[in-house]
Structure formats: C-alpha cells, structure tokens
Amino acid sequence: MERIVAVGLLTRREVKLLGPAFDRIWPVEEAPHFNELLRAIDDADRRLKHESGRPS
C-alpha cells in the first residue's frame, strides 16, 4: 500500500471543515522542525526540476 504524504498550512476553520480526513495534524508552533521540512521539500523540488530539465 502506498502512503500519501502531504504538508500544508490550514486555518482552524479549514481543519474543522475537513473533519477526520487527516491521521495527524500538528500546529506549527508545536512542530519545531517545520521550517527545515519546508526547506527540504523546496530543495527536493528544485533538484527534481533541474534533473528533468524543467524551468524553475
């Protein structure tokens, strides 16, 4: 089984609207490595674009 992984910024209202659609939700202030995670995602995206020859 393939797991889908997503990182997103949602307001409290959006979380309430989505209901139990998520396994885990962490408020940003409780995720001390959130900035590093976003940086790693951006770096991986840039590498993928570079390797595939797509413009940034």
PDB file of N, CA and C in Angstrom:
ATOM      1  N   MET A   1       0.842  -1.177   0.000  1.00  0.00           N
ATOM      2  CA  MET A   1       0.000   0.000   0.000  1.00  0.00           C
ATOM      3  C   MET A   1       0.888   1.242   0.000  1.00  0.00           C
ATOM      4  N   GLU A   2       0.616   2.170  -0.898  1.00  0.00           N
ATOM      5  CA  GLU A   2       1.349   3.430  -0.945  1.00  0.00           C
ATOM      6  C   GLU A   2       0.702   4.440  -0.023  1.00  0.00           C
ATOM      7  N   ARG A   3       1.540   5.101   0.773  1.00  0.00           N
ATOM      8  CA  ARG A   3       1.020   6.145   1.657  1.00  0.00           C
ATOM      9  C   ARG A   3       1.144   7.488   0.962  1.00  0.00           C
ATOM     10  N   ILE A   4       0.146   8.310   1.149  1.00  0.00           N
ATOM     11  CA  ILE A   4       0.194   9.671   0.631  1.00  0.00           C
ATOM     12  C   ILE A   4       0.650  10.571   1.756  1.00  0.00           C
ATOM     13  N   VAL A   5       1.642  11.378   1.470  1.00  0.00           N
ATOM     14  CA  VAL A   5       2.178  12.299   2.467  1.00  0.00           C
ATOM     15  C   VAL A   5       1.939  13.711   1.963  1.00  0.00           C
ATOM     16  N   ALA A   6       1.419  14.553   2.826  1.00  0.00           N
ATOM     17  CA  ALA A   6       1.147  15.938   2.439  1.00  0.00           C
ATOM     18  C   ALA A   6       1.558  16.873   3.558  1.00  0.00           C
ATOM     19  N   VAL A   7       2.031  18.032   3.155  1.00  0.00           N
ATOM     20  CA  VAL A   7       2.360  19.089   4.100  1.00  0.00           C
ATOM     21  C   VAL A   7       1.560  20.300   3.661  1.00  0.00           C
ATOM     22  N   GLY A   8       0.841  20.886   4.581  1.00  0.00           N
ATOM     23  CA  GLY A   8       0.040  22.042   4.211  1.00  0.00           C
ATOM     24  C   GLY A   8      -0.176  22.965   5.385  1.00  0.00           C
ATOM     25  N   LEU A   9      -0.526  24.174   5.068  1.00  0.00           N
ATOM     26  CA  LEU A   9      -0.861  25.154   6.093  1.00  0.00           C
ATOM     27  C   LEU A   9      -2.361  25.391   6.013  1.00  0.00           C
ATOM     28  N   LEU A  10      -3.054  25.090   7.084  1.00  0.00           N
ATOM     29  CA  LEU A  10      -4.503  25.237   7.131  1.00  0.00           C
ATOM     30  C   LEU A  10      -4.906  26.106   8.301  1.00  0.00           C
ATOM     31  N   THR A  11      -5.987  26.825   8.120  1.00  0.00           N
ATOM     32  CA  THR A  11      -6.543  27.575   9.247  1.00  0.00           C
ATOM     33  C   THR A  11      -7.348  26.608  10.108  1.00  0.00           C
ATOM     34  N   ARG A  12      -7.669  27.024  11.314  1.00  0.00           N
ATOM     35  CA  ARG A  12      -8.507  26.178  12.176  1.00  0.00           C
ATOM     36  C   ARG A  12      -9.847  25.879  11.505  1.00  0.00           C
ATOM     37  N   ARG A  13     -10.378  26.870  10.813  1.00  0.00           N
ATOM     38  CA  ARG A  13     -11.660  26.689  10.123  1.00  0.00           C
ATOM     39  C   ARG A  13     -11.538  25.595   9.059  1.00  0.00           C
ATOM     40  N   GLU A  14     -10.449  25.611   8.295  1.00  0.00           N
ATOM     41  CA  GLU A  14     -10.249  24.597   7.261  1.00  0.00           C
ATOM     42  C   GLU A  14     -10.113  23.208   7.868  1.00  0.00           C
ATOM     43  N   VAL A  15      -9.423  23.113   8.986  1.00  0.00           N
ATOM     44  CA  VAL A  15      -9.278  21.820   9.657  1.00  0.00           C
ATOM     45  C   VAL A  15     -10.649  21.315  10.098  1.00  0.00           C
ATOM     46  N   LYS A  16     -11.480  22.212  10.636  1.00  0.00           N
ATOM     47  CA  LYS A  16     -12.828  21.816  11.062  1.00  0.00           C
ATOM     48  C   LYS A  16     -13.665  21.354   9.868  1.00  0.00           C
ATOM     49  N   LEU A  17     -13.542  22.041   8.738  1.00  0.00           N
ATOM     50  CA  LEU A  17     -14.299  21.665   7.543  1.00  0.00           C
ATOM     51  C   LEU A  17     -13.885  20.293   7.019  1.00  0.00           C
ATOM     52  N   LEU A  18     -12.615  19.987   7.097  1.00  0.00           N
ATOM     53  CA  LEU A  18     -12.114  18.707   6.592  1.00  0.00           C
ATOM     54  C   LEU A  18     -12.415  17.554   7.536  1.00  0.00           C
ATOM     55  N   GLY A  19     -12.696  17.883   8.773  1.00  0.00           N
ATOM     56  CA  GLY A  19     -13.059  16.850   9.742  1.00  0.00           C
ATOM     57  C   GLY A  19     -11.960  15.827   9.952  1.00  0.00           C
ATOM     58  N   PRO A  20     -12.349  14.558  10.030  1.00  0.00           N
ATOM     59  CA  PRO A  20     -11.378  13.496  10.347  1.00  0.00           C
ATOM     60  C   PRO A  20     -10.589  13.001   9.134  1.00  0.00           C
ATOM     61  N   ALA A  21     -10.374  13.871   8.154  1.00  0.00           N
ATOM     62  CA  ALA A  21      -9.693  13.454   6.926  1.00  0.00           C
ATOM     63  C   ALA A  21      -8.194  13.212   7.113  1.00  0.00           C
ATOM     64  N   PHE A  22      -7.639  13.660   8.223  1.00  0.00           N
ATOM     65  CA  PHE A  22      -6.198  13.537   8.452  1.00  0.00           C
ATOM     66  C   PHE A  22      -5.901  12.585   9.601  1.00  0.00           C
ATOM     67  N   ASP A  23      -4.809  11.841   9.449  1.00  0.00           N
ATOM     68  CA  ASP A  23      -4.341  10.984  10.545  1.00  0.00           C
ATOM     69  C   ASP A  23      -3.701  11.817  11.640  1.00  0.00           C
ATOM     70  N   ARG A  24      -2.939  12.826  11.226  1.00  0.00           N
ATOM     71  CA  ARG A  24      -2.188  13.632  12.200  1.00  0.00           C
ATOM     72  C   ARG A  24      -2.187  15.088  11.769  1.00  0.00           C
ATOM     73  N   ILE A  25      -2.317  15.966  12.742  1.00  0.00           N
ATOM     74  CA  ILE A  25      -2.229  17.406  12.500  1.00  0.00           C
ATOM     75  C   ILE A  25      -1.408  17.998  13.633  1.00  0.00           C
ATOM     76  N   TRP A  26      -0.397  18.791  13.283  1.00  0.00           N
ATOM     77  CA  TRP A  26       0.418  19.461  14.291  1.00  0.00           C
ATOM     78  C   TRP A  26       0.355  20.964  14.078  1.00  0.00           C
ATOM     79  N   PRO A  27      -0.005  21.702  15.098  1.00  0.00           N
ATOM     80  CA  PRO A  27       0.092  23.166  14.980  1.00  0.00           C
ATOM     81  C   PRO A  27       1.549  23.551  14.723  1.00  0.00           C
ATOM     82  N   VAL A  28       1.762  24.561  13.893  1.00  0.00           N
ATOM     83  CA  VAL A  28       3.123  24.955  13.518  1.00  0.00           C
ATOM     84  C   VAL A  28       3.975  25.241  14.747  1.00  0.00           C
ATOM     85  N   GLU A  29       3.408  25.895  15.754  1.00  0.00           N
ATOM     86  CA  GLU A  29       4.208  26.209  16.944  1.00  0.00           C
ATOM     87  C   GLU A  29       4.625  24.955  17.707  1.00  0.00           C
ATOM     88  N   GLU A  30       3.991  23.807  17.417  1.00  0.00           N
ATOM     89  CA  GLU A  30       4.357  22.553  18.072  1.00  0.00           C
ATOM     90  C   GLU A  30       5.206  21.665  17.166  1.00  0.00           C
ATOM     91  N   ALA A  31       5.591  22.169  16.024  1.00  0.00           N
ATOM     92  CA  ALA A  31       6.420  21.416  15.084  1.00  0.00           C
ATOM     93  C   ALA A  31       7.740  22.169  14.922  1.00  0.00           C
ATOM     94  N   PRO A  32       8.692  21.940  15.827  1.00  0.00           N
ATOM     95  CA  PRO A  32       9.917  22.745  15.853  1.00  0.00           C
ATOM     96  C   PRO A  32      10.763  22.655  14.589  1.00  0.00           C
ATOM     97  N   HIS A  33      10.620  21.613  13.812  1.00  0.00           N
ATOM     98  CA  HIS A  33      11.458  21.457  12.617  1.00  0.00           C
ATOM     99  C   HIS A  33      10.684  21.754  11.337  1.00  0.00           C
ATOM    100  N   PHE A  34       9.578  22.474  11.456  1.00  0.00           N
ATOM    101  CA  PHE A  34       8.720  22.746  10.306  1.00  0.00           C
ATOM    102  C   PHE A  34       9.456  23.530   9.224  1.00  0.00           C
ATOM    103  N   ASN A  35      10.198  24.562   9.609  1.00  0.00           N
ATOM    104  CA  ASN A  35      10.934  25.357   8.614  1.00  0.00           C
ATOM    105  C   ASN A  35      11.956  24.513   7.869  1.00  0.00           C
ATOM    106  N   GLU A  36      12.644  23.629   8.586  1.00  0.00           N
ATOM    107  CA  GLU A  36      13.623  22.752   7.948  1.00  0.00           C
ATOM    108  C   GLU A  36      12.929  21.794   6.980  1.00  0.00           C
ATOM    109  N   LEU A  37      11.747  21.318   7.361  1.00  0.00           N
ATOM    110  CA  LEU A  37      10.985  20.425   6.489  1.00  0.00           C
ATOM    111  C   LEU A  37      10.587  21.143   5.201  1.00  0.00           C
ATOM    112  N   LEU A  38      10.075  22.356   5.322  1.00  0.00           N
ATOM    113  CA  LEU A  38       9.711  23.122   4.129  1.00  0.00           C
ATOM    114  C   LEU A  38      10.926  23.381   3.245  1.00  0.00           C
ATOM    115  N   ARG A  39      12.066  23.693   3.849  1.00  0.00           N
ATOM    116  CA  ARG A  39      13.299  23.926   3.088  1.00  0.00           C
ATOM    117  C   ARG A  39      13.711  22.649   2.344  1.00  0.00           C
ATOM    118  N   ALA A  40      13.622  21.505   2.996  1.00  0.00           N
ATOM    119  CA  ALA A  40      13.987  20.235   2.359  1.00  0.00           C
ATOM    120  C   ALA A  40      13.051  19.922   1.190  1.00  0.00           C
ATOM    121  N   ILE A  41      11.772  20.216   1.349  1.00  0.00           N
ATOM    122  CA  ILE A  41      10.815  19.998   0.260  1.00  0.00           C
ATOM    123  C   ILE A  41      11.147  20.905  -0.921  1.00  0.00           C
ATOM    124  N   ASP A  42      11.425  22.172  -0.646  1.00  0.00           N
ATOM    125  CA  ASP A  42      11.792  23.109  -1.712  1.00  0.00           C
ATOM    126  C   ASP A  42      13.068  22.667  -2.421  1.00  0.00           C
ATOM    127  N   ASP A  43      14.068  22.223  -1.657  1.00  0.00           N
ATOM    128  CA  ASP A  43      15.330  21.757  -2.252  1.00  0.00           C
ATOM    129  C   ASP A  43      15.092  20.545  -3.145  1.00  0.00           C
ATOM    130  N   ALA A  44      14.290  19.596  -2.672  1.00  0.00           N
ATOM    131  CA  ALA A  44      13.997  18.396  -3.458  1.00  0.00           C
ATOM    132  C   ALA A  44      13.252  18.760  -4.737  1.00  0.00           C
ATOM    133  N   ASP A  45      12.333  19.707  -4.650  1.00  0.00           N
ATOM    134  CA  ASP A  45      11.588  20.143  -5.829  1.00  0.00           C
ATOM    135  C   ASP A  45      12.523  20.791  -6.846  1.00  0.00           C
ATOM    136  N   ARG A  46      13.448  21.628  -6.380  1.00  0.00           N
ATOM    137  CA  ARG A  46      14.419  22.261  -7.286  1.00  0.00           C
ATOM    138  C   ARG A  46      15.298  21.206  -7.967  1.00  0.00           C
ATOM    139  N   ARG A  47      15.758  20.216  -7.198  1.00  0.00           N
ATOM    140  CA  ARG A  47      16.594  19.154  -7.781  1.00  0.00           C
ATOM    141  C   ARG A  47      15.816  18.372  -8.835  1.00  0.00           C
ATOM    142  N   LEU A  48      14.565  18.058  -8.540  1.00  0.00           N
ATOM    143  CA  LEU A  48      13.739  17.312  -9.482  1.00  0.00           C
ATOM    144  C   LEU A  48      13.544  18.100 -10.773  1.00  0.00           C
ATOM    145  N   LYS A  49      13.269  19.387 -10.647  1.00  0.00           N
ATOM    146  CA  LYS A  49      13.104  20.227 -11.836  1.00  0.00           C
ATOM    147  C   LYS A  49      14.400  20.301 -12.631  1.00  0.00           C
ATOM    148  N   HIS A  50      15.525  20.427 -11.934  1.00  0.00           N
ATOM    149  CA  HIS A  50      16.829  20.500 -12.603  1.00  0.00           C
ATOM    150  C   HIS A  50      17.125  19.192 -13.341  1.00  0.00           C
ATOM    151  N   GLU A  51      16.879  18.058 -12.686  1.00  0.00           N
ATOM    152  CA  GLU A  51      17.162  16.754 -13.284  1.00  0.00           C
ATOM    153  C   GLU A  51      16.253  16.462 -14.469  1.00  0.00           C
ATOM    154  N   SER A  52      15.035  16.981 -14.434  1.00  0.00           N
ATOM    155  CA  SER A  52      14.100  16.705 -15.527  1.00  0.00           C
ATOM    156  C   SER A  52      14.191  17.748 -16.638  1.00  0.00           C
ATOM    157  N   GLY A  53      15.009  18.797 -16.414  1.00  0.00           N
ATOM    158  CA  GLY A  53      15.179  19.833 -17.419  1.00  0.00           C
ATOM    159  C   GLY A  53      14.060  20.850 -17.465  1.00  0.00           C
ATOM    160  N   ARG A  54      13.160  20.806 -16.484  1.00  0.00           N
ATOM    161  CA  ARG A  54      12.067  21.785 -16.444  1.00  0.00           C
ATOM    162  C   ARG A  54      12.571  23.091 -15.860  1.00  0.00           C
ATOM    163  N   PRO A  55      12.066  24.218 -16.349  1.00  0.00           N
ATOM    164  CA  PRO A  55      12.464  25.513 -15.766  1.00  0.00           C
ATOM    165  C   PRO A  55      11.931  25.667 -14.352  1.00  0.00           C
ATOM    166  N   SER A  56      12.639  26.434 -13.536  1.00  0.00           N
ATOM    167  CA  SER A  56      12.225  26.653 -12.146  1.00  0.00           C
ATOM    168  C   SER A  56      11.015  27.530 -12.051  1.00  0.00           C
TER     169      SER A  56
END
